[in-house]
């Protein structure tokens, strides 16, 4: 297990490697820098060339990725939905760091969360509507139609986007329940991991891993048993207790209070605890006493690699 100091040093070094905005690799790309109307980019992809891509014009498979360095030809992609941080450049830094740290390929799905001042005051949406939900639903639908798994990661308020997209797919697939192999069981192809989840209500069907820092006041209630916490059937609650030494790596202009909050809630602390999805999800899955109940796993009690999707 990495110590907080080691994770901090690796993260800081990784950000020094992050590229700067330049020409987009795709003809339909728009550089992140200088975009004034971010609301118009809701639901767009953020590519590894630090450009926006309109999903109506560019297929997800054609969007450049942020790549890990040890295995740069891994075609499996993780789609990341940001939380209440509307700064695309900083989101790109998170994607870059995550790709290098986990040695995976990542693509951003930009969620325009609106007035971040209101979000900072705790006025989080109960549900999410808009283009980000539409894009994610389309990605899930395409993966299901191909019979291929899809990997999604969402942080903080971005988990409302995930919950709504899955809820829509759940309703759509429910209409196919009498067609063998074409109903709700297809949601098993969807792999979802959350960090600092502000959403505490997830539909059954997908495979979930919820990373929960016990010191995080936003996500901690998801680990509690009761009707207010619905993490999804068979979900893994991946628990740890830690605090990043610096909560302002991705938010350099954060106030001291905001930095303290991000040190237990932001990617600064969560990304260092990520594990390969299937290996973590499989722990305890064959134990009959769990059934469809959530499984609570102390991340400091297991020995799994940090790299891999």
Protein backbone atom coordinates (compact mmCIF):
# COMPACT_ATOMS: atom_id res chain seq x y z
CA UNK A 1 0.00 0.00 0.00
CA UNK A 2 1.35 3.36 -0.93
CA UNK A 3 1.65 5.97 1.78
CA UNK A 4 0.00 9.33 1.27
CA UNK A 5 3.41 10.96 0.85
CA UNK A 6 4.42 8.53 -1.89
CA UNK A 7 1.11 8.95 -3.72
CA UNK A 8 1.49 12.73 -3.49
CA UNK A 9 5.01 12.62 -4.96
CA UNK A 10 3.95 10.36 -7.83
CA UNK A 11 0.94 12.56 -8.60
CA UNK A 12 2.98 15.74 -8.60
CA UNK A 13 5.56 14.18 -10.93
CA UNK A 14 2.83 12.89 -13.25
CA UNK A 15 1.32 16.33 -13.62
CA UNK A 16 4.67 17.68 -14.74
CA UNK A 17 4.47 15.24 -17.66
CA UNK A 18 1.01 16.42 -18.68
CA UNK A 19 0.92 17.82 -22.21
CA UNK A 20 -0.16 21.29 -23.12
CA UNK A 21 -2.93 22.21 -25.49
CA UNK A 22 -1.97 22.26 -29.14
CA UNK A 23 -3.37 21.15 -32.45
CA UNK A 24 -6.14 18.58 -32.19
CA UNK A 25 -5.41 15.16 -33.67
CA UNK A 26 -8.95 14.86 -35.00
CA UNK A 27 -10.34 17.28 -37.56
CA UNK A 28 -13.51 17.74 -35.50
CA UNK A 29 -11.65 18.57 -32.29
CA UNK A 30 -11.73 21.91 -30.47
CA UNK A 31 -8.86 22.81 -28.07
CA UNK A 32 -9.96 22.98 -24.45
CA UNK A 33 -8.26 26.30 -23.89
CA UNK A 34 -10.26 29.35 -24.81
CA UNK A 35 -13.72 27.74 -24.85
CA UNK A 36 -16.02 30.31 -23.28
CA UNK A 37 -19.41 28.59 -23.54
CA UNK A 38 -18.79 25.44 -21.51
CA UNK A 39 -22.51 24.69 -21.29
CA UNK A 40 -22.44 24.04 -25.05
CA UNK A 41 -19.78 21.36 -24.47
CA UNK A 42 -21.86 19.35 -21.99
CA UNK A 43 -21.68 15.71 -23.05
CA UNK A 44 -18.62 16.19 -25.28
CA UNK A 45 -15.61 13.90 -25.04
CA UNK A 46 -12.29 15.19 -23.71
CA UNK A 47 -9.53 13.54 -25.72
CA UNK A 48 -5.91 12.82 -24.88
CA UNK A 49 -4.86 15.67 -27.19
CA UNK A 50 -6.69 18.01 -24.77
CA UNK A 51 -9.47 18.75 -27.21
CA UNK A 52 -13.26 18.57 -27.06
CA UNK A 53 -15.00 16.14 -29.45
CA UNK A 54 -18.70 16.30 -30.27
CA UNK A 55 -20.19 12.77 -29.95
CA UNK A 56 -22.53 13.64 -32.84
CA UNK A 57 -19.51 14.03 -35.12
CA UNK A 58 -16.83 11.74 -33.65
CA UNK A 59 -17.22 8.14 -32.51
CA UNK A 60 -15.81 7.32 -29.09
CA UNK A 61 -13.45 4.82 -30.75
CA UNK A 62 -11.93 7.67 -32.78
CA UNK A 63 -11.27 10.01 -29.86
CA UNK A 64 -7.57 10.19 -28.88
CA UNK A 65 -6.97 8.74 -25.43
CA UNK A 66 -4.83 9.60 -22.46
CA UNK A 67 -2.46 6.61 -22.28
CA UNK A 68 -0.50 4.87 -19.59
CA UNK A 69 3.20 4.62 -20.32
CA UNK A 70 3.98 0.96 -19.67
CA UNK A 71 1.41 -0.55 -22.01
CA UNK A 72 0.51 2.20 -24.48
CA UNK A 73 -1.30 -0.11 -26.91
CA UNK A 74 -4.04 -1.26 -24.53
CA UNK A 75 -7.29 -0.69 -26.44
CA UNK A 76 -9.57 -0.96 -23.39
CA UNK A 77 -10.83 2.47 -22.40
CA UNK A 78 -12.19 3.93 -19.21
CA UNK A 79 -14.73 6.74 -19.63
CA UNK A 80 -14.44 9.31 -16.85
CA UNK A 81 -17.34 11.62 -15.88
CA UNK A 82 -16.11 14.63 -13.91
CA UNK A 83 -17.80 16.08 -10.88
CA UNK A 84 -18.56 19.69 -10.04
CA UNK A 85 -15.40 21.09 -11.58
CA UNK A 86 -16.15 22.90 -14.80
CA UNK A 87 -12.52 23.58 -15.72
CA UNK A 88 -11.73 21.31 -18.70
CA UNK A 89 -7.98 21.82 -18.40
CA UNK A 90 -7.98 20.57 -14.84
CA UNK A 91 -10.19 17.65 -15.79
CA UNK A 92 -7.63 16.78 -18.47
CA UNK A 93 -4.94 16.81 -15.77
CA UNK A 94 -6.98 14.31 -13.75
CA UNK A 95 -7.39 12.10 -16.83
CA UNK A 96 -3.67 12.30 -17.60
CA UNK A 97 -2.71 11.42 -14.03
CA UNK A 98 -5.20 8.55 -13.82
CA UNK A 99 -4.02 7.03 -17.10
CA UNK A 100 -0.38 7.09 -16.05
CA UNK A 101 -0.97 5.98 -12.48
CA UNK A 102 -3.21 3.01 -13.40
CA UNK A 103 -1.49 2.40 -16.76
CA UNK A 104 -4.76 2.48 -18.67
CA UNK A 105 -6.38 4.48 -21.47
CA UNK A 106 -8.87 7.15 -20.42
CA UNK A 107 -11.33 9.46 -22.16
CA UNK A 108 -13.27 12.24 -20.48
CA UNK A 109 -17.01 12.73 -20.75
CA UNK A 110 -17.54 16.36 -19.88
CA UNK A 111 -20.32 17.11 -17.42
CA UNK A 112 -21.22 20.79 -17.23
CA UNK A 113 -22.44 20.99 -13.66
CA UNK A 114 -23.67 24.58 -13.79
CA UNK A 115 -22.95 27.10 -11.07
CA UNK A 116 -20.04 25.60 -9.15
CA UNK A 117 -20.54 28.13 -6.35
CA UNK A 118 -23.95 26.66 -5.62
CA UNK A 119 -22.54 23.15 -5.82
CA UNK A 120 -19.82 24.11 -3.36
CA UNK A 121 -22.54 25.22 -0.95
CA UNK A 122 -24.05 21.74 -1.03
CA UNK A 123 -26.90 22.40 -3.45
CA UNK A 124 -26.31 19.21 -5.42
CA UNK A 125 -28.85 18.02 -7.98
CA UNK A 126 -31.07 15.11 -7.01
CA UNK A 127 -31.02 13.87 -10.59
CA UNK A 128 -29.09 14.89 -13.66
CA UNK A 129 -30.48 15.79 -17.04
CA UNK A 130 -28.79 17.03 -20.16
CA UNK A 131 -26.33 16.12 -22.86
CA UNK A 132 -23.86 14.32 -20.58
CA UNK A 133 -26.56 11.83 -19.61
CA UNK A 134 -27.54 11.43 -23.27
CA UNK A 135 -23.95 10.72 -24.34
CA UNK A 136 -23.36 8.21 -21.56
CA UNK A 137 -26.62 6.41 -22.29
CA UNK A 138 -25.59 6.14 -25.95
CA UNK A 139 -22.20 4.70 -24.95
CA UNK A 140 -23.87 2.09 -22.75
CA UNK A 141 -26.40 1.26 -25.45
CA UNK A 142 -23.64 0.79 -28.05
CA UNK A 143 -21.63 -1.46 -25.76
CA UNK A 144 -24.67 -3.60 -24.98
CA UNK A 145 -25.57 -3.86 -28.66
CA UNK A 146 -22.02 -5.11 -29.35
CA UNK A 147 -22.07 -7.44 -26.37
CA UNK A 148 -18.92 -5.82 -24.98
CA UNK A 149 -18.15 -4.54 -21.46
CA UNK A 150 -17.92 -0.81 -20.90
CA UNK A 151 -15.87 0.75 -18.09
CA UNK A 152 -17.08 4.00 -16.52
CA UNK A 153 -15.64 6.04 -13.65
CA UNK A 154 -17.39 9.02 -12.09
CA UNK A 155 -16.50 11.37 -9.29
CA UNK A 156 -18.62 13.36 -6.86
CA UNK A 157 -21.60 15.02 -8.64
CA UNK A 158 -20.72 13.18 -11.86
CA UNK A 159 -22.26 10.10 -10.26
CA UNK A 160 -25.70 11.63 -10.80
CA UNK A 161 -25.02 11.47 -14.55
CA UNK A 162 -24.16 7.78 -14.24
CA UNK A 163 -27.20 6.99 -12.13
CA UNK A 164 -29.60 8.69 -14.55
CA UNK A 165 -28.05 7.08 -17.66
CA UNK A 166 -28.32 3.62 -16.08
CA UNK A 167 -31.86 4.36 -14.94
CA UNK A 168 -32.85 5.17 -18.52
CA UNK A 169 -31.21 2.00 -19.82
CA UNK A 170 -32.93 0.00 -17.08
CA UNK A 171 -36.31 1.30 -18.26
CA UNK A 172 -35.47 0.59 -21.91
CA UNK A 173 -34.24 -2.95 -21.27
CA UNK A 174 -37.24 -3.70 -19.05
CA UNK A 175 -39.34 -3.51 -22.20
CA UNK A 176 -37.29 -6.37 -23.65
CA UNK A 177 -37.62 -8.66 -20.64
CA UNK A 178 -39.44 -11.37 -22.63
CA UNK A 179 -36.67 -11.59 -25.23
CA UNK A 180 -34.04 -14.13 -24.05
CA UNK A 181 -30.67 -12.52 -23.50
CA UNK A 182 -31.98 -9.06 -24.41
CA UNK A 183 -33.33 -7.81 -21.08
CA UNK A 184 -31.95 -6.37 -17.86
CA UNK A 185 -29.26 -9.05 -17.67
CA UNK A 186 -27.41 -7.09 -20.36
CA UNK A 187 -26.63 -4.41 -17.79
CA UNK A 188 -24.09 -6.86 -16.37
CA UNK A 189 -21.79 -5.66 -19.16
CA UNK A 190 -21.61 -2.23 -17.51
CA UNK A 191 -18.73 -1.69 -15.08
CA UNK A 192 -19.08 1.43 -12.94
CA UNK A 193 -16.65 2.75 -10.37
CA UNK A 194 -17.38 5.84 -8.31
CA UNK A 195 -15.23 8.07 -6.12
CA UNK A 196 -16.57 10.46 -3.53
CA UNK A 197 -20.07 9.69 -4.75
CA UNK A 198 -22.66 12.39 -4.09
CA UNK A 199 -25.30 10.03 -5.48
CA UNK A 200 -26.40 7.35 -3.02
CA UNK A 201 -29.05 5.66 -5.16
CA UNK A 202 -27.95 3.37 -8.01
CA UNK A 203 -30.19 1.02 -10.05
CA UNK A 204 -29.48 -2.70 -9.94
CA UNK A 205 -27.91 -4.37 -12.94
CA UNK A 206 -24.40 -3.03 -13.54
CA UNK A 207 -21.32 -4.11 -11.65
CA UNK A 208 -20.43 -1.37 -9.19
CA UNK A 209 -17.33 -0.53 -7.19
CA UNK A 210 -17.80 2.47 -4.92
CA UNK A 211 -14.55 3.85 -3.53
CA UNK A 212 -15.38 5.42 -0.18
CA UNK A 213 -13.02 7.36 2.03
CA UNK A 214 -14.43 7.18 5.54
CA UNK A 215 -13.21 10.76 6.08
CA UNK A 216 -15.18 12.02 3.07
CA UNK A 217 -18.46 13.55 4.30
CA UNK A 218 -20.01 13.32 0.82
CA UNK A 219 -19.37 9.65 0.11
CA UNK A 220 -19.34 8.14 3.62
CA UNK A 221 -23.16 7.84 3.89
CA UNK A 222 -23.11 5.43 0.93
CA UNK A 223 -21.37 2.88 3.18
CA UNK A 224 -24.17 2.98 5.75
CA UNK A 225 -26.85 0.31 5.77
CA UNK A 226 -30.39 1.58 5.33
CA UNK A 227 -32.97 2.84 2.83
CA UNK A 228 -31.01 6.05 2.20
CA UNK A 229 -28.12 4.03 0.78
CA UNK A 230 -28.77 2.03 -2.40
CA UNK A 231 -25.35 1.18 -3.91
CA UNK A 232 -26.75 -1.41 -6.33
CA UNK A 233 -27.01 -5.20 -6.05
CA UNK A 234 -23.66 -7.00 -5.63
CA UNK A 235 -21.86 -3.67 -5.30
CA UNK A 236 -18.39 -3.52 -3.78
CA UNK A 237 -17.91 -0.84 -1.14
CA UNK A 238 -14.14 -0.31 -1.31
CA UNK A 239 -13.32 1.38 1.98
CA UNK A 240 -10.27 3.22 3.25
CA UNK A 241 -9.39 6.01 5.67
CA UNK A 242 -6.85 8.52 4.45
CA UNK A 243 -6.11 12.14 3.72
CA UNK A 244 -3.95 13.61 0.95
CA UNK A 245 -1.16 15.89 2.17
CA UNK A 246 -2.13 18.45 -0.47
CA UNK A 247 -5.72 18.91 -1.62
CA UNK A 248 -4.95 21.62 -4.15
CA UNK A 249 -2.93 19.70 -6.78
CA UNK A 250 -5.75 19.80 -9.32
CA UNK A 251 -7.24 23.01 -7.88
CA UNK A 252 -4.27 25.35 -7.36
CA UNK A 253 -6.50 28.33 -6.58
CA UNK A 254 -8.50 26.48 -3.92
CA UNK A 255 -8.99 28.24 -0.62
CA UNK A 256 -7.54 26.57 2.51
CA UNK A 257 -11.00 25.28 3.41
CA UNK A 258 -11.56 23.91 -0.09
CA UNK A 259 -8.12 22.27 -0.08
CA UNK A 260 -8.91 20.53 3.21
CA UNK A 261 -12.16 19.23 1.72
CA UNK A 262 -10.46 18.03 -1.49
CA UNK A 263 -7.78 16.25 0.53
CA UNK A 264 -10.44 13.71 1.57
CA UNK A 265 -12.88 14.04 -1.36
CA UNK A 266 -10.96 14.80 -4.54
CA UNK A 267 -8.96 12.71 -7.02
CA UNK A 268 -5.85 13.70 -5.05
CA UNK A 269 -6.78 11.00 -2.52
CA UNK A 270 -9.07 8.63 -4.42
CA UNK A 271 -7.06 7.86 -7.54
CA UNK A 272 -4.19 6.34 -5.56
CA UNK A 273 -6.51 3.64 -4.22
CA UNK A 274 -7.87 2.45 -7.56
CA UNK A 275 -7.50 -1.26 -8.35
CA UNK A 276 -8.18 -3.26 -11.56
CA UNK A 277 -11.95 -3.56 -11.73
CA UNK A 278 -12.53 -7.27 -12.29
CA UNK A 279 -10.00 -8.40 -9.70
CA UNK A 280 -11.49 -6.21 -7.00
CA UNK A 281 -15.09 -6.91 -7.96
CA UNK A 282 -14.54 -10.70 -7.82
CA UNK A 283 -13.52 -10.69 -4.15
CA UNK A 284 -16.22 -12.50 -2.19
CA UNK A 285 -18.49 -12.82 -5.22
CA UNK A 286 -18.66 -16.61 -4.86
CA UNK A 287 -19.64 -16.53 -1.17
CA UNK A 288 -23.34 -17.47 -0.88
CA UNK A 289 -23.87 -15.44 2.30
CA UNK A 290 -23.51 -12.23 0.27
CA UNK A 291 -25.98 -13.07 -2.49
CA UNK A 292 -26.98 -9.73 -4.01
CA UNK A 293 -25.95 -7.75 -0.93
CA UNK A 294 -23.17 -5.17 -1.11
CA UNK A 295 -19.71 -6.40 -0.10
CA UNK A 296 -17.62 -4.22 2.19
CA UNK A 297 -13.90 -4.53 1.43
CA UNK A 298 -11.16 -2.80 3.39
CA UNK A 299 -8.64 -1.80 0.71
CA UNK A 300 -5.78 -1.93 3.19
CA UNK A 301 -6.50 -5.61 3.87
CA UNK A 302 -6.05 -6.83 0.29
CA UNK A 303 -3.04 -7.26 -1.95
CA UNK A 304 -3.90 -6.27 -5.53
CA UNK A 305 -1.87 -4.41 -8.16
CA UNK A 306 -2.57 -0.75 -8.86
CA UNK A 307 -2.25 -1.04 -12.62
CA UNK A 308 -4.80 -2.23 -15.16
CA UNK A 309 -8.35 -1.41 -16.10
